[in-house]
């Protein structure tokens, strides 16, 4: 589960700043928080390993966009 999070976070870290530049940092940050909340709920209700791994990978993508250097002013506190 940790590998799914780390690999997804690392893969989306650099391209994650582009949506923040186009759509606005606040909007991307708020949408990232919503994705993390929904994915956490999905992880809590997951019944199989595959569902749990997918639910752990989803917030990593949104956190990488929220904490990328060109993205939001977040300190990378996701995870």
C-alpha atoms as a PDB file:
ATOM      1  CA  UNK A   1       0.000   0.000   0.000  1.00  0.00           C
ATOM      2  CA  UNK A   2       2.847   2.357   0.772  1.00  0.00           C
ATOM      3  CA  UNK A   3       4.402   1.711  -2.634  1.00  0.00           C
ATOM      4  CA  UNK A   4       1.158   2.591  -4.431  1.00  0.00           C
ATOM      5  CA  UNK A   5       1.067   5.930  -2.626  1.00  0.00           C
ATOM      6  CA  UNK A   6       4.748   6.770  -3.091  1.00  0.00           C
ATOM      7  CA  UNK A   7       4.922   5.808  -6.768  1.00  0.00           C
ATOM      8  CA  UNK A   8       1.764   7.729  -7.642  1.00  0.00           C
ATOM      9  CA  UNK A   9       2.849  10.775  -5.638  1.00  0.00           C
ATOM     10  CA  UNK A  10       6.270  10.824  -7.314  1.00  0.00           C
ATOM     11  CA  UNK A  11       4.825  10.313 -10.780  1.00  0.00           C
ATOM     12  CA  UNK A  12       2.361  13.190 -10.499  1.00  0.00           C
ATOM     13  CA  UNK A  13       4.545  15.656  -8.601  1.00  0.00           C
ATOM     14  CA  UNK A  14       6.037  17.504 -11.577  1.00  0.00           C
ATOM     15  CA  UNK A  15       3.001  17.571 -13.906  1.00  0.00           C
ATOM     16  CA  UNK A  16       0.763  18.381 -10.941  1.00  0.00           C
ATOM     17  CA  UNK A  17       1.642  22.073 -11.021  1.00  0.00           C
ATOM     18  CA  UNK A  18       0.191  22.653 -14.462  1.00  0.00           C
ATOM     19  CA  UNK A  19      -3.482  22.450 -13.408  1.00  0.00           C
ATOM     20  CA  UNK A  20      -2.742  24.873 -10.580  1.00  0.00           C
ATOM     21  CA  UNK A  21      -1.305  27.351 -13.055  1.00  0.00           C
ATOM     22  CA  UNK A  22      -4.270  27.010 -15.402  1.00  0.00           C
ATOM     23  CA  UNK A  23      -7.172  26.705 -12.952  1.00  0.00           C
ATOM     24  CA  UNK A  24      -5.873  28.545  -9.914  1.00  0.00           C
ATOM     25  CA  UNK A  25      -4.056  27.318  -6.868  1.00  0.00           C
ATOM     26  CA  UNK A  26      -7.005  27.560  -4.493  1.00  0.00           C
ATOM     27  CA  UNK A  27      -9.356  25.630  -6.772  1.00  0.00           C
ATOM     28  CA  UNK A  28      -6.821  22.823  -7.276  1.00  0.00           C
ATOM     29  CA  UNK A  29      -6.090  22.687  -3.551  1.00  0.00           C
ATOM     30  CA  UNK A  30      -9.778  22.453  -2.594  1.00  0.00           C
ATOM     31  CA  UNK A  31     -10.451  19.804  -5.239  1.00  0.00           C
ATOM     32  CA  UNK A  32      -7.431  17.877  -3.941  1.00  0.00           C
ATOM     33  CA  UNK A  33      -8.887  17.930  -0.444  1.00  0.00           C
ATOM     34  CA  UNK A  34     -12.179  16.574  -1.761  1.00  0.00           C
ATOM     35  CA  UNK A  35     -10.392  13.761  -3.612  1.00  0.00           C
ATOM     36  CA  UNK A  36      -8.438  12.831  -0.475  1.00  0.00           C
ATOM     37  CA  UNK A  37     -11.632  12.761   1.614  1.00  0.00           C
ATOM     38  CA  UNK A  38     -13.522  10.597  -0.888  1.00  0.00           C
ATOM     39  CA  UNK A  39     -10.557   8.244  -1.366  1.00  0.00           C
ATOM     40  CA  UNK A  40     -10.166   7.870   2.390  1.00  0.00           C
ATOM     41  CA  UNK A  41     -13.820   6.939   2.641  1.00  0.00           C
ATOM     42  CA  UNK A  42     -13.357   4.447  -0.203  1.00  0.00           C
ATOM     43  CA  UNK A  43     -10.330   2.947   1.560  1.00  0.00           C
ATOM     44  CA  UNK A  44     -12.381   2.487   4.689  1.00  0.00           C
ATOM     45  CA  UNK A  45     -15.077   0.593   2.812  1.00  0.00           C
ATOM     46  CA  UNK A  46     -12.758  -1.418   0.553  1.00  0.00           C
ATOM     47  CA  UNK A  47     -13.306  -5.157   0.592  1.00  0.00           C
ATOM     48  CA  UNK A  48     -10.383  -6.388  -1.504  1.00  0.00           C
ATOM     49  CA  UNK A  49      -6.694  -5.614  -1.714  1.00  0.00           C
ATOM     50  CA  UNK A  50      -7.114  -4.118  -5.182  1.00  0.00           C
ATOM     51  CA  UNK A  51      -9.730  -1.677  -3.991  1.00  0.00           C
ATOM     52  CA  UNK A  52      -7.543  -0.666  -1.073  1.00  0.00           C
ATOM     53  CA  UNK A  53      -4.494  -0.085  -3.291  1.00  0.00           C
ATOM     54  CA  UNK A  54      -6.543   1.996  -5.732  1.00  0.00           C
ATOM     55  CA  UNK A  55      -8.017   3.995  -2.866  1.00  0.00           C
ATOM     56  CA  UNK A  56      -4.502   4.708  -1.539  1.00  0.00           C
ATOM     57  CA  UNK A  57      -3.190   5.757  -4.957  1.00  0.00           C
ATOM     58  CA  UNK A  58      -5.955   8.289  -5.657  1.00  0.00           C
ATOM     59  CA  UNK A  59      -5.060  10.788  -2.905  1.00  0.00           C
ATOM     60  CA  UNK A  60      -1.404  10.622  -3.868  1.00  0.00           C
ATOM     61  CA  UNK A  61      -2.198  12.117  -7.259  1.00  0.00           C
ATOM     62  CA  UNK A  62      -4.186  14.959  -5.732  1.00  0.00           C
ATOM     63  CA  UNK A  63      -1.617  15.598  -2.993  1.00  0.00           C
ATOM     64  CA  UNK A  64       1.174  15.818  -5.526  1.00  0.00           C
ATOM     65  CA  UNK A  65      -0.735  18.510  -7.402  1.00  0.00           C
ATOM     66  CA  UNK A  66      -1.418  20.394  -4.180  1.00  0.00           C
ATOM     67  CA  UNK A  67       2.173  20.270  -2.946  1.00  0.00           C
ATOM     68  CA  UNK A  68       4.157  20.669  -6.161  1.00  0.00           C
ATOM     69  CA  UNK A  69       6.617  23.582  -6.243  1.00  0.00           C
ATOM     70  CA  UNK A  70       4.754  25.356  -9.032  1.00  0.00           C
ATOM     71  CA  UNK A  71       1.362  24.404  -7.649  1.00  0.00           C
ATOM     72  CA  UNK A  72      -0.267  25.395  -4.427  1.00  0.00           C
ATOM     73  CA  UNK A  73       1.639  26.891  -1.547  1.00  0.00           C
ATOM     74  CA  UNK A  74       1.040  23.680   0.381  1.00  0.00           C
ATOM     75  CA  UNK A  75       3.918  22.354   2.428  1.00  0.00           C
ATOM     76  CA  UNK A  76       3.525  18.794   1.223  1.00  0.00           C
ATOM     77  CA  UNK A  77       1.644  17.757   4.330  1.00  0.00           C
ATOM     78  CA  UNK A  78      -0.525  15.200   2.509  1.00  0.00           C
ATOM     79  CA  UNK A  79      -0.119  11.572   3.362  1.00  0.00           C
END
